[in-house]
Protein backbone atom coordinates (compact mmCIF):
# COMPACT_ATOMS: atom_id res chain seq x y z
CA MET A 1 17.69 -28.04 -16.24
CA ASP A 2 19.19 -31.29 -15.03
CA TYR A 3 15.83 -32.36 -13.56
CA LEU A 4 14.00 -31.39 -16.74
CA ALA A 5 16.37 -33.43 -18.89
CA LYS A 6 17.02 -36.47 -16.71
CA GLY A 7 13.91 -36.62 -14.57
CA LEU A 8 11.26 -35.48 -17.01
CA GLY A 9 12.88 -36.28 -20.34
CA TYR A 10 12.47 -32.69 -21.59
CA LYS A 11 15.29 -31.14 -23.61
CA GLU A 12 15.82 -27.40 -23.54
CA ASP A 13 18.78 -25.65 -25.17
CA GLN A 14 18.10 -22.22 -23.68
CA PRO A 15 20.00 -21.49 -20.46
CA TYR A 16 17.90 -21.01 -17.33
CA GLU A 17 18.31 -17.49 -16.01
CA ILE A 18 16.53 -15.73 -13.19
CA LEU A 19 17.56 -12.22 -12.20
CA THR A 20 20.93 -12.51 -13.90
CA GLU A 21 22.80 -9.63 -15.52
CA LYS A 22 20.69 -10.20 -18.65
CA VAL A 23 17.48 -9.25 -16.80
CA ARG A 24 18.92 -6.51 -14.60
CA PRO A 25 18.52 -3.89 -13.43
CA TRP A 26 15.31 -5.16 -11.88
CA ARG A 27 13.99 -2.16 -9.98
CA TRP A 28 10.76 -2.18 -8.03
CA ASP A 29 11.82 0.53 -5.59
CA ALA A 30 14.85 2.61 -4.74
CA GLU A 31 16.36 -0.01 -2.43
CA ASN A 32 15.44 -2.99 -4.64
CA GLU A 33 13.89 -4.82 -1.67
CA VAL A 34 11.13 -7.38 -1.47
CA VAL A 35 7.68 -5.80 -1.69
CA ASN A 36 5.13 -6.89 0.91
CA VAL A 37 1.75 -5.17 0.96
CA SER A 38 -0.05 -7.70 3.17
CA ASP A 39 -0.45 -5.13 5.95
CA ARG A 40 -2.26 -2.82 3.52
CA LEU A 41 -4.47 -5.68 2.36
CA ALA A 42 -5.41 -6.54 5.95
CA THR A 43 -6.25 -2.90 6.67
CA ALA A 44 -8.40 -2.64 3.54
CA MET A 45 -10.24 -5.85 4.43
CA ARG A 46 -10.88 -4.64 7.99
CA ASP A 47 -12.08 -1.24 6.72
CA ASN A 48 -14.36 -2.83 4.12
CA PRO A 49 -15.85 -6.11 5.39
CA LYS A 50 -17.37 -6.76 1.93
CA LEU A 51 -14.02 -6.60 0.14
CA ARG A 52 -13.31 -9.84 -1.68
CA VAL A 53 -9.87 -10.84 -2.93
CA LEU A 54 -8.92 -13.34 -5.62
CA ILE A 55 -5.31 -14.52 -5.52
CA MET A 56 -4.10 -16.17 -8.72
CA GLY A 57 -0.69 -17.83 -8.92
CA GLY A 58 1.41 -20.06 -11.11
CA LYS A 59 2.47 -23.31 -9.47
CA THR A 60 5.92 -23.05 -11.03
CA ASP A 61 6.44 -19.31 -10.48
CA LEU A 62 10.00 -18.81 -9.24
CA ALA A 63 9.76 -14.99 -9.15
CA THR A 64 6.79 -14.87 -6.78
CA PRO A 65 6.45 -18.42 -5.43
CA PRO A 66 2.92 -19.45 -4.41
CA GLU A 67 4.01 -20.45 -0.91
CA GLY A 68 5.31 -16.94 -0.26
CA MET A 69 1.87 -15.54 -1.02
CA ALA A 70 0.14 -18.24 1.03
CA HIS A 71 2.45 -17.49 3.98
CA SER A 72 1.58 -13.79 3.79
CA VAL A 73 -2.15 -14.52 3.71
CA ARG A 74 -1.91 -16.91 6.67
CA HIS A 75 -0.18 -14.19 8.67
CA LEU A 76 -2.52 -11.28 7.97
CA LEU A 77 -2.86 -9.59 11.36
CA ASN A 78 -6.14 -8.94 13.15
CA LEU A 79 -8.28 -10.29 10.34
CA SER A 80 -11.60 -11.82 11.30
CA ASP A 81 -12.59 -15.31 10.23
CA GLN A 82 -15.38 -13.77 8.14
CA ALA A 83 -12.89 -11.53 6.31
CA ARG A 84 -10.62 -14.53 5.69
CA LYS A 85 -13.56 -16.26 3.99
CA ASN A 86 -13.50 -13.43 1.45
CA ILE A 87 -10.08 -14.49 0.17
CA ALA A 88 -10.13 -16.97 -2.71
CA THR A 89 -7.01 -18.60 -4.11
CA THR A 90 -6.51 -20.43 -7.37
CA PHE A 91 -3.41 -21.87 -9.00
CA TYR A 92 -2.34 -22.54 -12.56
CA ASP A 93 0.12 -24.97 -14.11
CA GLY A 94 2.24 -22.21 -15.62
CA GLY A 95 4.77 -19.96 -13.98
CA HIS A 96 4.94 -16.22 -13.38
CA MET A 97 2.96 -15.37 -16.53
CA PHE A 98 0.66 -18.40 -16.38
CA TYR A 99 -1.82 -16.73 -18.75
CA LEU A 100 0.61 -17.34 -21.63
CA ASN A 101 -0.22 -21.04 -21.30
CA PRO A 102 -3.47 -21.44 -23.33
CA PRO A 103 -5.15 -23.91 -20.92
CA ASP A 104 -4.30 -21.61 -17.99
CA LEU A 105 -5.72 -18.62 -19.87
CA LEU A 106 -9.04 -20.44 -20.27
CA LYS A 107 -9.05 -21.43 -16.60
CA CYS A 108 -8.10 -17.87 -15.63
CA ARG A 109 -11.10 -16.45 -17.51
CA LYS A 110 -13.45 -18.94 -15.90
CA ASP A 111 -12.02 -18.24 -12.44
CA LEU A 112 -12.42 -14.48 -12.93
CA VAL A 113 -16.00 -14.80 -14.16
CA ASP A 114 -16.90 -17.13 -11.28
CA PHE A 115 -15.29 -14.78 -8.76
CA ILE A 116 -17.07 -11.70 -10.10
CA GLN A 117 -20.43 -13.46 -10.25
CA ALA A 118 -20.17 -15.04 -6.79
CA LYS A 119 -22.19 -13.47 -4.03
């Protein structure tokens, strides 16, 4: 909030909260651990060489930061160069729910249409 106010000149009266008591319990499994399905993605891509993947992320997403996803993709095990070419990545200005930002929603639609139509 300090950077927004002093660095960017943006005033926000709402407190910044991420995974505080107001948004808990946040349960994605019984142990509440980080979910990583990159091994399953790599297996699926090896099993189906025609599988294409579009990864869409918000540049300012603090819940699932883009670099975390990029790190996982870079470290997919035993994936051929050809299979890696089937992974497309695109980013949006918004955060975790980037599609709530109208310009990002328009870009998202275009990216999806382009991905589906690509050969």
